[in-house]
Amino acid sequence: MKIIVSPAKTMIENTDSYIGSSIPTYIDYSENLLKEIRKKTYEELKEIWKCNEKIADENFERFKDMNLQGSLTPAIFSYQGIQYQYMAVNVMEASAIEYIRENLYILSGFFGILRAFDGVSPYRLEMQAKFFVGEHKNLYEFWGDKIYKKLFEKDDVVINLASKEYSKTVESYLSKEDKFISCIFAERKEGKTVQKATLAKMARGEMVNFIASNNIQDEEKIKEFDRLGFKFDKELSNNKKYVFILE
């Protein structure tokens, strides 16, 4: 079983606890992206990043000095968003960390797809960025079916805990035989189910922790998730979508 999650915009460099022990699958493509990024002016990149000057300055310097072959931070410890805070990998038991190492994949605009302990350098490049790469009009075209192929190189079940922006890099290529289950976290409001971004990120992180801490190998066991007040809703769910409602 594989789990996919989105990256986070906020990243740090930290090799104190762990050093990235594996190389990203599509590192050669990342090197090509790096070359294309370095051709851009500061103003062009700032427009692509849609950010303020402080963030633009930081990331312009990051790409200028980036070395993708150095002593790098494992991806799981580099990303610092809400979802990663709720994964709480820093306080996991060794067995749960090993589960993360084997089963968790992070989707990325710059790296395509990462395993948890792939070594990364902090960057800013969202999948939906308006970034032309050669003949490709955006990053979705650039990555094509590469992310999908990596996930389904074996007949694995893939648990989708990624946002739509990232999960569509996989969903666009799914066949009827592929087992791809999206987890949705919502609450009932005026007779409708409503998803709130921050709460969903928290729940996705908790779900990763729940799966890893319990060494879950069967997707049916995921339905037992009961953290943050969420409960599995059988009526709203099917074999492609597990819906958890805030009680």
C-alpha atoms as a PDB file:
ATOM      1  CA  MET A   1       0.000   0.000   0.000  1.00  0.00           C
ATOM      2  CA  LYS A   2       1.223   3.487  -0.886  1.00  0.00           C
ATOM      3  CA  ILE A   3       0.131   6.825   0.532  1.00  0.00           C
ATOM      4  CA  ILE A   4       0.437  10.108  -1.381  1.00  0.00           C
ATOM      5  CA  VAL A   5       0.436  13.587   0.130  1.00  0.00           C
ATOM      6  CA  SER A   6       0.985  17.128  -1.123  1.00  0.00           C
ATOM      7  CA  PRO A   7       4.153  19.084  -0.363  1.00  0.00           C
ATOM      8  CA  ALA A   8       4.170  22.235   1.771  1.00  0.00           C
ATOM      9  CA  LYS A   9       5.249  25.722   0.723  1.00  0.00           C
ATOM     10  CA  THR A  10       7.354  26.185   3.851  1.00  0.00           C
ATOM     11  CA  MET A  11      10.588  24.179   3.921  1.00  0.00           C
ATOM     12  CA  ILE A  12      13.718  24.056   6.052  1.00  0.00           C
ATOM     13  CA  GLU A  13      17.207  22.648   5.770  1.00  0.00           C
ATOM     14  CA  ASN A  14      17.948  20.246   8.619  1.00  0.00           C
ATOM     15  CA  THR A  15      20.462  17.416   8.513  1.00  0.00           C
ATOM     16  CA  ASP A  16      21.023  17.219  12.275  1.00  0.00           C
ATOM     17  CA  SER A  17      18.781  14.196  12.872  1.00  0.00           C
ATOM     18  CA  TYR A  18      18.820  12.467   9.497  1.00  0.00           C
ATOM     19  CA  ILE A  19      20.510  12.903   6.147  1.00  0.00           C
ATOM     20  CA  GLY A  20      18.558  12.096   3.008  1.00  0.00           C
ATOM     21  CA  SER A  21      19.370   8.457   2.337  1.00  0.00           C
ATOM     22  CA  SER A  22      17.918   8.102  -1.155  1.00  0.00           C
ATOM     23  CA  ILE A  23      17.900  10.042  -4.415  1.00  0.00           C
ATOM     24  CA  PRO A  24      14.608  11.271  -5.934  1.00  0.00           C
ATOM     25  CA  THR A  25      13.411   9.025  -8.747  1.00  0.00           C
ATOM     26  CA  TYR A  26      13.313  11.794 -11.331  1.00  0.00           C
ATOM     27  CA  ILE A  27      16.347  13.811 -10.208  1.00  0.00           C
ATOM     28  CA  ASP A  28      17.494  14.287 -13.827  1.00  0.00           C
ATOM     29  CA  TYR A  29      14.207  16.057 -14.592  1.00  0.00           C
ATOM     30  CA  SER A  30      14.672  18.247 -11.514  1.00  0.00           C
ATOM     31  CA  GLU A  31      18.126  19.183 -12.779  1.00  0.00           C
ATOM     32  CA  ASN A  32      16.519  20.254 -16.071  1.00  0.00           C
ATOM     33  CA  LEU A  33      13.951  22.327 -14.192  1.00  0.00           C
ATOM     34  CA  LEU A  34      16.745  23.939 -12.194  1.00  0.00           C
ATOM     35  CA  LYS A  35      18.470  24.996 -15.418  1.00  0.00           C
ATOM     36  CA  GLU A  36      15.221  26.505 -16.727  1.00  0.00           C
ATOM     37  CA  ILE A  37      14.586  28.349 -13.451  1.00  0.00           C
ATOM     38  CA  ARG A  38      18.079  29.830 -13.483  1.00  0.00           C
ATOM     39  CA  LYS A  39      17.357  31.338 -16.911  1.00  0.00           C
ATOM     40  CA  LYS A  40      14.535  33.420 -15.403  1.00  0.00           C
ATOM     41  CA  THR A  41      14.942  36.900 -13.998  1.00  0.00           C
ATOM     42  CA  TYR A  42      14.034  37.742 -10.426  1.00  0.00           C
ATOM     43  CA  GLU A  43      10.859  39.522 -11.598  1.00  0.00           C
ATOM     44  CA  GLU A  44       9.815  36.583 -13.785  1.00  0.00           C
ATOM     45  CA  LEU A  45      10.215  34.153 -10.891  1.00  0.00           C
ATOM     46  CA  LYS A  46       8.412  36.432  -8.471  1.00  0.00           C
ATOM     47  CA  GLU A  47       5.446  36.413 -10.875  1.00  0.00           C
ATOM     48  CA  ILE A  48       5.570  32.612 -11.141  1.00  0.00           C
ATOM     49  CA  TRP A  49       5.775  32.222  -7.359  1.00  0.00           C
ATOM     50  CA  LYS A  50       2.985  34.745  -6.614  1.00  0.00           C
ATOM     51  CA  CYS A  51       4.676  35.781  -3.385  1.00  0.00           C
ATOM     52  CA  ASN A  52       6.029  38.800  -1.520  1.00  0.00           C
ATOM     53  CA  GLU A  53       9.572  40.152  -1.848  1.00  0.00           C
ATOM     54  CA  LYS A  54      10.923  38.433   1.256  1.00  0.00           C
ATOM     55  CA  ILE A  55       9.895  34.983   0.005  1.00  0.00           C
ATOM     56  CA  ALA A  56      11.014  35.810  -3.536  1.00  0.00           C
ATOM     57  CA  ASP A  57      14.456  36.934  -2.288  1.00  0.00           C
ATOM     58  CA  GLU A  58      14.871  33.758  -0.240  1.00  0.00           C
ATOM     59  CA  ASN A  59      13.919  31.413  -3.065  1.00  0.00           C
ATOM     60  CA  PHE A  60      15.845  33.290  -5.740  1.00  0.00           C
ATOM     61  CA  GLU A  61      18.991  32.728  -3.643  1.00  0.00           C
ATOM     62  CA  ARG A  62      18.013  29.111  -2.979  1.00  0.00           C
ATOM     63  CA  PHE A  63      17.824  28.250  -6.666  1.00  0.00           C
ATOM     64  CA  LYS A  64      20.987  30.208  -7.463  1.00  0.00           C
ATOM     65  CA  ASP A  65      23.010  28.207  -4.913  1.00  0.00           C
ATOM     66  CA  MET A  66      21.139  24.898  -5.108  1.00  0.00           C
ATOM     67  CA  ASN A  67      23.148  21.670  -5.169  1.00  0.00           C
ATOM     68  CA  LEU A  68      20.945  18.617  -5.687  1.00  0.00           C
ATOM     69  CA  GLN A  69      23.817  16.218  -5.032  1.00  0.00           C
ATOM     70  CA  GLY A  70      24.952  17.456  -1.594  1.00  0.00           C
ATOM     71  CA  SER A  71      24.119  16.447   1.977  1.00  0.00           C
ATOM     72  CA  LEU A  72      20.394  17.049   1.824  1.00  0.00           C
ATOM     73  CA  THR A  73      17.436  17.020   4.198  1.00  0.00           C
ATOM     74  CA  PRO A  74      15.022  14.064   4.020  1.00  0.00           C
ATOM     75  CA  ALA A  75      11.814  15.324   2.405  1.00  0.00           C
ATOM     76  CA  ILE A  76       9.659  14.299   5.362  1.00  0.00           C
ATOM     77  CA  PHE A  77      11.657  16.592   7.678  1.00  0.00           C
ATOM     78  CA  SER A  78      12.071  19.440   5.207  1.00  0.00           C
ATOM     79  CA  TYR A  79       8.386  20.254   4.610  1.00  0.00           C
ATOM     80  CA  GLN A  80       6.877  22.268   7.456  1.00  0.00           C
ATOM     81  CA  GLY A  81       3.176  22.754   6.670  1.00  0.00           C
ATOM     82  CA  ILE A  82       0.155  21.923   8.820  1.00  0.00           C
ATOM     83  CA  GLN A  83      -0.197  18.427   7.405  1.00  0.00           C
ATOM     84  CA  TYR A  84       3.410  17.615   8.317  1.00  0.00           C
ATOM     85  CA  GLN A  85       2.999  18.987  11.832  1.00  0.00           C
ATOM     86  CA  TYR A  86       0.085  16.612  12.383  1.00  0.00           C
ATOM     87  CA  MET A  87       2.009  13.650  10.956  1.00  0.00           C
ATOM     88  CA  ALA A  88       4.332  14.136  13.955  1.00  0.00           C
ATOM     89  CA  VAL A  89       7.106  12.063  12.416  1.00  0.00           C
ATOM     90  CA  ASN A  90       9.615  13.493  14.902  1.00  0.00           C
ATOM     91  CA  VAL A  91       7.943  11.634  17.768  1.00  0.00           C
ATOM     92  CA  MET A  92       7.037   8.414  15.960  1.00  0.00           C
ATOM     93  CA  GLU A  93       8.226   5.020  17.077  1.00  0.00           C
ATOM     94  CA  ALA A  94      11.009   3.513  14.954  1.00  0.00           C
ATOM     95  CA  SER A  95       8.601   1.004  13.406  1.00  0.00           C
ATOM     96  CA  ALA A  96       6.251   3.792  12.277  1.00  0.00           C
ATOM     97  CA  ILE A  97       9.145   5.751  10.769  1.00  0.00           C
ATOM     98  CA  GLU A  98      10.155   2.632   8.863  1.00  0.00           C
ATOM     99  CA  TYR A  99       6.579   2.358   7.584  1.00  0.00           C
ATOM    100  CA  ILE A 100       6.783   5.982   6.416  1.00  0.00           C
ATOM    101  CA  ARG A 101      10.084   5.236   4.693  1.00  0.00           C
ATOM    102  CA  GLU A 102       8.554   2.350   2.758  1.00  0.00           C
ATOM    103  CA  ASN A 103       5.039   3.588   2.021  1.00  0.00           C
ATOM    104  CA  LEU A 104       4.779   7.381   1.949  1.00  0.00           C
ATOM    105  CA  TYR A 105       5.199   9.406  -1.243  1.00  0.00           C
ATOM    106  CA  ILE A 106       5.184  13.193  -1.558  1.00  0.00           C
ATOM    107  CA  LEU A 107       4.114  14.778  -4.843  1.00  0.00           C
ATOM    108  CA  SER A 108       6.102  17.816  -5.946  1.00  0.00           C
ATOM    109  CA  GLY A 109       6.181  20.396  -8.719  1.00  0.00           C
ATOM    110  CA  PHE A 110       9.997  20.404  -8.650  1.00  0.00           C
ATOM    111  CA  PHE A 111      10.785  16.737  -7.941  1.00  0.00           C
ATOM    112  CA  GLY A 112       7.688  15.045  -9.378  1.00  0.00           C
ATOM    113  CA  ILE A 113       7.433  12.372  -6.725  1.00  0.00           C
ATOM    114  CA  LEU A 114       9.486  11.840  -3.578  1.00  0.00           C
ATOM    115  CA  ARG A 115       9.886   9.062  -1.072  1.00  0.00           C
ATOM    116  CA  ALA A 116       9.901  10.209   2.530  1.00  0.00           C
ATOM    117  CA  PHE A 117      13.683   9.977   2.955  1.00  0.00           C
ATOM    118  CA  ASP A 118      14.743  11.245  -0.452  1.00  0.00           C
ATOM    119  CA  GLY A 119      17.206  14.081   0.017  1.00  0.00           C
ATOM    120  CA  VAL A 120      15.869  17.482  -1.010  1.00  0.00           C
ATOM    121  CA  SER A 121      16.942  21.106  -1.007  1.00  0.00           C
ATOM    122  CA  PRO A 122      14.319  23.728  -0.065  1.00  0.00           C
ATOM    123  CA  TYR A 123      12.586  25.193  -3.117  1.00  0.00           C
ATOM    124  CA  ARG A 124       9.407  26.951  -4.191  1.00  0.00           C
ATOM    125  CA  LEU A 125       7.590  25.658  -7.276  1.00  0.00           C
ATOM    126  CA  GLU A 126       3.940  24.718  -7.028  1.00  0.00           C
ATOM    127  CA  MET A 127       2.463  22.236  -9.461  1.00  0.00           C
ATOM    128  CA  GLN A 128      -0.103  24.725 -10.797  1.00  0.00           C
ATOM    129  CA  ALA A 129       2.485  27.456 -11.399  1.00  0.00           C
ATOM    130  CA  LYS A 130       2.358  29.102 -14.835  1.00  0.00           C
ATOM    131  CA  PHE A 131       5.786  27.858 -15.808  1.00  0.00           C
ATOM    132  CA  PHE A 132       6.734  27.000 -19.386  1.00  0.00           C
ATOM    133  CA  VAL A 133       9.387  24.287 -19.703  1.00  0.00           C
ATOM    134  CA  GLY A 134      10.588  23.887 -23.281  1.00  0.00           C
ATOM    135  CA  GLU A 135       7.607  22.687 -25.309  1.00  0.00           C
ATOM    136  CA  HIS A 136       5.548  22.062 -22.177  1.00  0.00           C
ATOM    137  CA  LYS A 137       3.143  24.849 -21.258  1.00  0.00           C
ATOM    138  CA  ASN A 138       3.025  23.887 -17.557  1.00  0.00           C
ATOM    139  CA  LEU A 139       4.332  21.412 -15.003  1.00  0.00           C
ATOM    140  CA  TYR A 140       1.427  19.025 -15.509  1.00  0.00           C
ATOM    141  CA  GLU A 141       2.560  18.565 -19.097  1.00  0.00           C
ATOM    142  CA  PHE A 142       6.218  18.428 -18.056  1.00  0.00           C
ATOM    143  CA  TRP A 143       5.658  15.571 -15.607  1.00  0.00           C
ATOM    144  CA  GLY A 144       3.053  13.833 -17.780  1.00  0.00           C
ATOM    145  CA  ASP A 145       2.430  10.259 -16.610  1.00  0.00           C
ATOM    146  CA  LYS A 146       5.751   9.844 -14.782  1.00  0.00           C
ATOM    147  CA  ILE A 147       4.243  10.229 -11.307  1.00  0.00           C
ATOM    148  CA  TYR A 148       1.449   7.784 -12.128  1.00  0.00           C
ATOM    149  CA  LYS A 149       3.910   5.215 -13.497  1.00  0.00           C
ATOM    150  CA  LYS A 150       6.049   5.345 -10.370  1.00  0.00           C
ATOM    151  CA  LEU A 151       3.060   4.832  -8.079  1.00  0.00           C
ATOM    152  CA  PHE A 152       1.615   1.951 -10.051  1.00  0.00           C
ATOM    153  CA  GLU A 153       4.814   0.172 -11.094  1.00  0.00           C
ATOM    154  CA  LYS A 154       3.471  -2.640  -8.909  1.00  0.00           C
ATOM    155  CA  ASP A 155      -0.159  -3.542  -8.267  1.00  0.00           C
ATOM    156  CA  ASP A 156      -0.368  -1.451  -5.107  1.00  0.00           C
ATOM    157  CA  VAL A 157      -3.344   0.208  -3.496  1.00  0.00           C
ATOM    158  CA  VAL A 158      -2.757   3.973  -3.415  1.00  0.00           C
ATOM    159  CA  ILE A 159      -4.320   5.999  -0.609  1.00  0.00           C
ATOM    160  CA  ASN A 160      -4.777   9.582  -1.776  1.00  0.00           C
ATOM    161  CA  LEU A 161      -4.245  12.214   0.914  1.00  0.00           C
ATOM    162  CA  ALA A 162      -3.116  14.883  -1.549  1.00  0.00           C
ATOM    163  CA  SER A 163      -4.936  18.057  -2.586  1.00  0.00           C
ATOM    164  CA  LYS A 164      -6.668  18.181  -5.975  1.00  0.00           C
ATOM    165  CA  GLU A 165      -3.855  20.330  -7.379  1.00  0.00           C
ATOM    166  CA  TYR A 166      -1.466  17.408  -6.903  1.00  0.00           C
ATOM    167  CA  SER A 167      -3.674  14.317  -7.047  1.00  0.00           C
ATOM    168  CA  LYS A 168      -4.768  15.146 -10.594  1.00  0.00           C
ATOM    169  CA  THR A 169      -1.222  14.353 -11.734  1.00  0.00           C
ATOM    170  CA  VAL A 170      -2.212  10.756 -10.986  1.00  0.00           C
ATOM    171  CA  GLU A 171      -5.981  10.773 -11.543  1.00  0.00           C
ATOM    172  CA  SER A 172      -5.609  11.825 -15.186  1.00  0.00           C
ATOM    173  CA  TYR A 173      -3.977   8.481 -16.001  1.00  0.00           C
ATOM    174  CA  LEU A 174      -5.903   5.998 -13.843  1.00  0.00           C
ATOM    175  CA  SER A 175      -7.267   2.844 -15.434  1.00  0.00           C
ATOM    176  CA  LYS A 176     -10.286   0.851 -14.249  1.00  0.00           C
ATOM    177  CA  GLU A 177      -7.950  -1.731 -12.707  1.00  0.00           C
ATOM    178  CA  ASP A 178      -6.031   0.744 -10.550  1.00  0.00           C
ATOM    179  CA  LYS A 179      -6.952   0.890  -6.864  1.00  0.00           C
ATOM    180  CA  PHE A 180      -6.834   4.571  -5.967  1.00  0.00           C
ATOM    181  CA  ILE A 181      -8.754   5.593  -2.843  1.00  0.00           C
ATOM    182  CA  SER A 182      -9.218   9.259  -1.943  1.00  0.00           C
ATOM    183  CA  CYS A 183      -9.836  10.179   1.691  1.00  0.00           C
ATOM    184  CA  ILE A 184     -12.173  13.119   2.198  1.00  0.00           C
ATOM    185  CA  PHE A 185     -12.580  14.935   5.504  1.00  0.00           C
ATOM    186  CA  ALA A 186     -15.689  17.076   5.832  1.00  0.00           C
ATOM    187  CA  GLU A 187     -18.402  18.300   8.157  1.00  0.00           C
ATOM    188  CA  ARG A 188     -22.146  18.593   7.760  1.00  0.00           C
ATOM    189  CA  LYS A 189     -23.529  22.087   7.372  1.00  0.00           C
ATOM    190  CA  GLU A 190     -27.134  22.868   6.466  1.00  0.00           C
ATOM    191  CA  GLY A 191     -27.629  19.409   5.004  1.00  0.00           C
ATOM    192  CA  LYS A 192     -24.450  19.501   2.911  1.00  0.00           C
ATOM    193  CA  THR A 193     -20.936  18.155   3.401  1.00  0.00           C
ATOM    194  CA  VAL A 194     -18.384  20.945   3.499  1.00  0.00           C
ATOM    195  CA  GLN A 195     -14.589  20.652   3.444  1.00  0.00           C
ATOM    196  CA  LYS A 196     -12.455  23.253   5.216  1.00  0.00           C
ATOM    197  CA  ALA A 197      -8.865  23.512   4.000  1.00  0.00           C
ATOM    198  CA  THR A 198      -7.050  23.832   7.331  1.00  0.00           C
ATOM    199  CA  LEU A 199      -9.040  21.088   9.040  1.00  0.00           C
ATOM    200  CA  ALA A 200      -8.541  18.800   6.032  1.00  0.00           C
ATOM    201  CA  LYS A 201      -4.766  19.330   6.199  1.00  0.00           C
ATOM    202  CA  MET A 202      -4.787  18.499   9.899  1.00  0.00           C
ATOM    203  CA  ALA A 203      -6.810  15.336   9.280  1.00  0.00           C
ATOM    204  CA  ARG A 204      -4.588  14.200   6.420  1.00  0.00           C
ATOM    205  CA  GLY A 205      -1.555  14.489   8.685  1.00  0.00           C
ATOM    206  CA  GLU A 206      -3.308  12.605  11.466  1.00  0.00           C
ATOM    207  CA  MET A 207      -4.323   9.916   8.964  1.00  0.00           C
ATOM    208  CA  VAL A 208      -0.701   9.375   7.912  1.00  0.00           C
ATOM    209  CA  ASN A 209       0.264   9.062  11.566  1.00  0.00           C
ATOM    210  CA  PHE A 210      -2.647   6.693  12.247  1.00  0.00           C
ATOM    211  CA  ILE A 211      -1.781   4.416   9.307  1.00  0.00           C
ATOM    212  CA  ALA A 212       1.944   4.327  10.089  1.00  0.00           C
ATOM    213  CA  SER A 213       1.560   3.905  13.860  1.00  0.00           C
ATOM    214  CA  ASN A 214      -0.807   0.977  13.351  1.00  0.00           C
ATOM    215  CA  ASN A 215       1.237  -0.582  10.525  1.00  0.00           C
ATOM    216  CA  ILE A 216      -1.885  -0.789   8.345  1.00  0.00           C
ATOM    217  CA  GLN A 217      -1.541  -3.039   5.305  1.00  0.00           C
ATOM    218  CA  ASP A 218      -5.233  -3.440   4.458  1.00  0.00           C
ATOM    219  CA  GLU A 219      -7.152  -0.391   3.227  1.00  0.00           C
ATOM    220  CA  GLU A 220     -10.272  -1.564   5.079  1.00  0.00           C
ATOM    221  CA  LYS A 221      -8.518  -0.802   8.380  1.00  0.00           C
ATOM    222  CA  ILE A 222      -8.291   2.867   7.396  1.00  0.00           C
ATOM    223  CA  LYS A 223     -12.027   3.127   8.023  1.00  0.00           C
ATOM    224  CA  GLU A 224     -11.301   2.823  11.760  1.00  0.00           C
ATOM    225  CA  PHE A 225      -9.718   6.298  11.783  1.00  0.00           C
ATOM    226  CA  ASP A 226     -11.329   8.315  14.596  1.00  0.00           C
ATOM    227  CA  ARG A 227      -9.053  11.273  15.324  1.00  0.00           C
ATOM    228  CA  LEU A 228      -9.953  14.981  15.550  1.00  0.00           C
ATOM    229  CA  GLY A 229     -13.594  13.970  15.892  1.00  0.00           C
ATOM    230  CA  PHE A 230     -13.854  12.351  12.441  1.00  0.00           C
ATOM    231  CA  LYS A 231     -15.752   9.122  11.809  1.00  0.00           C
ATOM    232  CA  PHE A 232     -16.042   7.024   8.665  1.00  0.00           C
ATOM    233  CA  ASP A 233     -19.356   7.544   6.848  1.00  0.00           C
ATOM    234  CA  LYS A 234     -20.395   4.360   5.054  1.00  0.00           C
ATOM    235  CA  GLU A 235     -23.300   5.964   3.170  1.00  0.00           C
ATOM    236  CA  LEU A 236     -21.177   8.678   1.577  1.00  0.00           C
ATOM    237  CA  SER A 237     -18.264   6.360   0.795  1.00  0.00           C
ATOM    238  CA  ASN A 238     -17.523   3.849  -1.946  1.00  0.00           C
ATOM    239  CA  ASN A 239     -14.544   1.788  -3.121  1.00  0.00           C
ATOM    240  CA  LYS A 240     -12.866   4.876  -4.619  1.00  0.00           C
ATOM    241  CA  LYS A 241     -13.711   7.393  -1.914  1.00  0.00           C
ATOM    242  CA  TYR A 242     -13.563   7.114   1.865  1.00  0.00           C
ATOM    243  CA  VAL A 243     -15.496   9.957   3.490  1.00  0.00           C
ATOM    244  CA  PHE A 244     -14.902  10.921   7.125  1.00  0.00           C
ATOM    245  CA  ILE A 245     -17.378  13.290   8.744  1.00  0.00           C
ATOM    246  CA  LEU A 246     -16.683  15.516  11.714  1.00  0.00           C
ATOM    247  CA  GLU A 247     -19.078  14.440  14.468  1.00  0.00           C
END
